[in-house]
Protein backbone atom coordinates (compact mmCIF):
# COMPACT_ATOMS: atom_id res chain seq x y z
CA MET A 1 53.27 114.07 118.34
CA ALA A 2 55.86 116.82 118.89
CA PRO A 3 57.13 118.34 115.63
CA THR A 4 60.74 117.35 114.89
CA THR A 5 63.33 119.94 114.35
CA ARG A 6 66.12 119.73 111.94
CA PRO A 7 69.47 121.20 112.58
CA ALA A 8 70.38 124.21 110.49
CA PRO A 9 71.99 123.24 107.33
CA VAL A 10 75.78 123.23 107.49
CA LYS A 11 77.35 125.67 105.11
CA ARG A 12 80.17 123.84 103.29
CA ARG A 13 83.34 125.80 102.90
CA THR A 14 84.87 125.60 99.54
CA THR A 15 88.63 125.79 99.36
CA SER A 16 90.23 127.06 96.29
CA SER A 17 93.82 126.34 95.50
CA PRO A 18 96.22 129.08 96.73
CA LYS A 19 97.22 131.39 94.01
CA LYS A 20 100.86 131.00 93.00
CA LYS A 21 103.04 133.98 93.51
CA ALA A 22 104.81 135.26 90.48
CA ALA A 23 108.40 134.21 90.51
CA ALA A 24 110.87 136.98 91.33
CA PRO A 25 112.83 138.08 88.38
CA ALA A 26 116.19 136.33 88.21
CA ALA A 27 119.05 138.57 88.94
CA ALA A 28 121.31 139.02 85.93
CA LEU A 29 124.28 136.69 86.33
CA GLU A 30 127.72 138.04 85.81
CA ASP A 31 130.29 135.99 83.96
CA GLY A 32 131.60 133.24 86.19
CA ASP A 33 128.53 133.33 88.56
CA TYR A 34 126.89 130.47 86.74
CA GLU A 35 128.20 127.04 86.23
CA LEU A 36 126.22 124.19 84.64
CA VAL A 37 126.34 121.00 86.67
CA GLU A 38 127.23 118.14 84.38
CA LEU A 39 125.80 114.71 85.29
CA SER A 40 126.14 111.35 83.59
CA SER A 41 123.80 108.37 83.45
CA THR A 42 126.75 106.00 83.59
CA VAL A 43 129.06 105.49 86.60
CA GLU A 44 132.51 103.98 86.88
CA GLU A 45 133.01 100.73 88.69
CA GLU A 46 132.07 101.38 92.30
CA GLU A 47 133.89 100.37 95.42
CA ARG A 48 131.71 98.22 97.66
CA VAL A 49 131.78 97.28 101.41
CA GLY A 50 130.41 94.21 103.07
CA LEU A 51 127.09 94.66 104.84
CA PHE A 52 126.34 91.05 106.01
CA SER A 53 127.25 87.50 105.20
CA ILE A 54 125.20 84.31 104.96
CA ASP A 55 127.11 81.00 105.20
CA GLY A 56 130.41 82.66 104.40
CA THR A 57 129.02 84.62 101.30
CA VAL A 58 129.53 88.38 101.85
CA TYR A 59 126.86 90.65 100.47
CA THR A 60 128.04 94.17 99.65
CA ILE A 61 126.66 97.73 99.08
CA PRO A 62 128.29 100.77 97.48
CA LYS A 63 130.84 102.43 99.73
CA VAL A 64 129.66 105.77 98.33
CA VAL A 65 125.85 105.69 97.96
CA PRO A 66 124.47 107.65 94.98
CA GLN A 67 122.57 110.66 96.30
CA GLY A 68 119.47 109.66 94.30
CA ILE A 69 119.09 106.58 96.50
CA ALA A 70 119.45 108.73 99.67
CA LEU A 71 116.92 111.21 98.31
CA GLU A 72 114.46 108.42 97.47
CA PHE A 73 114.85 107.10 101.05
CA LEU A 74 114.02 110.54 102.48
CA ARG A 75 110.94 110.92 100.26
CA MET A 76 109.71 107.46 101.05
CA ALA A 77 110.28 107.93 104.77
CA ARG A 78 108.17 111.11 104.64
CA GLU A 79 105.42 109.50 102.60
CA TYR A 80 105.23 105.99 103.93
CA GLY A 81 107.37 105.76 107.08
CA GLU A 82 110.84 104.82 107.83
CA ASN A 83 110.25 101.00 107.80
CA ILE A 84 109.14 101.01 104.17
CA ALA A 85 111.90 103.46 103.18
CA ALA A 86 114.55 101.24 104.90
CA GLN A 87 113.29 98.22 102.99
CA ARG A 88 113.50 100.05 99.66
CA LEU A 89 116.94 101.44 100.64
CA LEU A 90 118.18 97.86 101.15
CA GLU A 91 116.67 96.76 97.86
CA ARG A 92 118.42 99.55 96.01
CA LEU A 93 121.76 99.10 97.70
CA LEU A 94 121.94 95.32 97.63
CA GLY A 95 120.28 94.54 94.32
CA ALA A 96 117.60 91.97 93.70
CA ASP A 97 119.62 88.74 94.27
CA SER A 98 121.33 89.93 97.44
CA TYR A 99 118.10 91.30 98.84
CA THR A 100 116.29 87.97 98.08
CA ALA A 101 119.15 86.07 99.98
CA LEU A 102 118.63 88.31 102.97
CA GLU A 103 114.90 88.03 102.84
CA GLN A 104 115.02 84.18 102.75
CA CYS A 105 117.67 83.72 105.39
CA PRO A 106 116.04 81.73 108.19
CA SER A 107 118.39 83.01 110.89
CA LEU A 108 117.53 86.71 110.23
CA ASP A 109 115.99 88.08 113.41
CA ASP A 110 114.88 91.56 114.53
CA VAL A 111 118.19 92.42 116.11
CA LYS A 112 120.33 91.40 113.11
CA MET A 113 117.86 93.13 110.75
CA GLN A 114 118.06 96.39 112.70
CA ARG A 115 121.83 96.25 112.74
CA ILE A 116 121.92 95.72 108.91
CA VAL A 117 119.50 98.67 108.42
CA ASP A 118 121.40 100.94 110.73
CA MET A 119 124.69 100.15 108.96
CA ALA A 120 123.11 100.77 105.50
CA GLN A 121 121.66 104.09 106.68
CA LYS A 122 124.99 105.16 108.15
CA ILE A 123 126.79 104.36 104.90
CA ALA A 124 124.02 106.08 102.83
CA PHE A 125 123.94 109.23 104.97
CA GLY A 126 127.39 109.45 106.40
CA LYS A 127 127.50 110.74 109.88
CA ALA A 128 123.83 111.84 109.90
CA GLU A 129 121.72 109.31 111.71
CA VAL A 130 118.16 108.74 110.48
CA LYS A 131 115.47 108.59 113.08
CA GLY A 132 111.80 108.87 112.48
CA GLY A 133 112.18 109.49 108.75
CA LYS A 134 114.43 112.53 109.23
CA ALA A 135 118.09 112.96 108.99
CA ASP A 136 119.33 114.46 112.23
């Protein structure tokens, strides 16, 4: 019987996390160069626009979409793909009851769904069209 040969052991490469560079010292700000951005957790009554209707009932979304929703869409598109991000975008814009009505509508087909998603994205991102998870 011929002796068996074993392949040479594979040397495993260990990767260490890259060392963080020290932050550059912040330049001293002169009076007037710095302005605190004030935000509020409450918003005024928002203007809404119709997105679709079912049996004469119009379902609306905000005319001006909060940027947090747009940012969430971009993050989810990057992490999970545009289809999952679009679904979440609709949920956030429509609200639970309106989203459920859309979800349970028997006449919703691929073409109508794509039109609804496209319109929601155009409203959320303005003139920027979203393709493949990236705003063009």
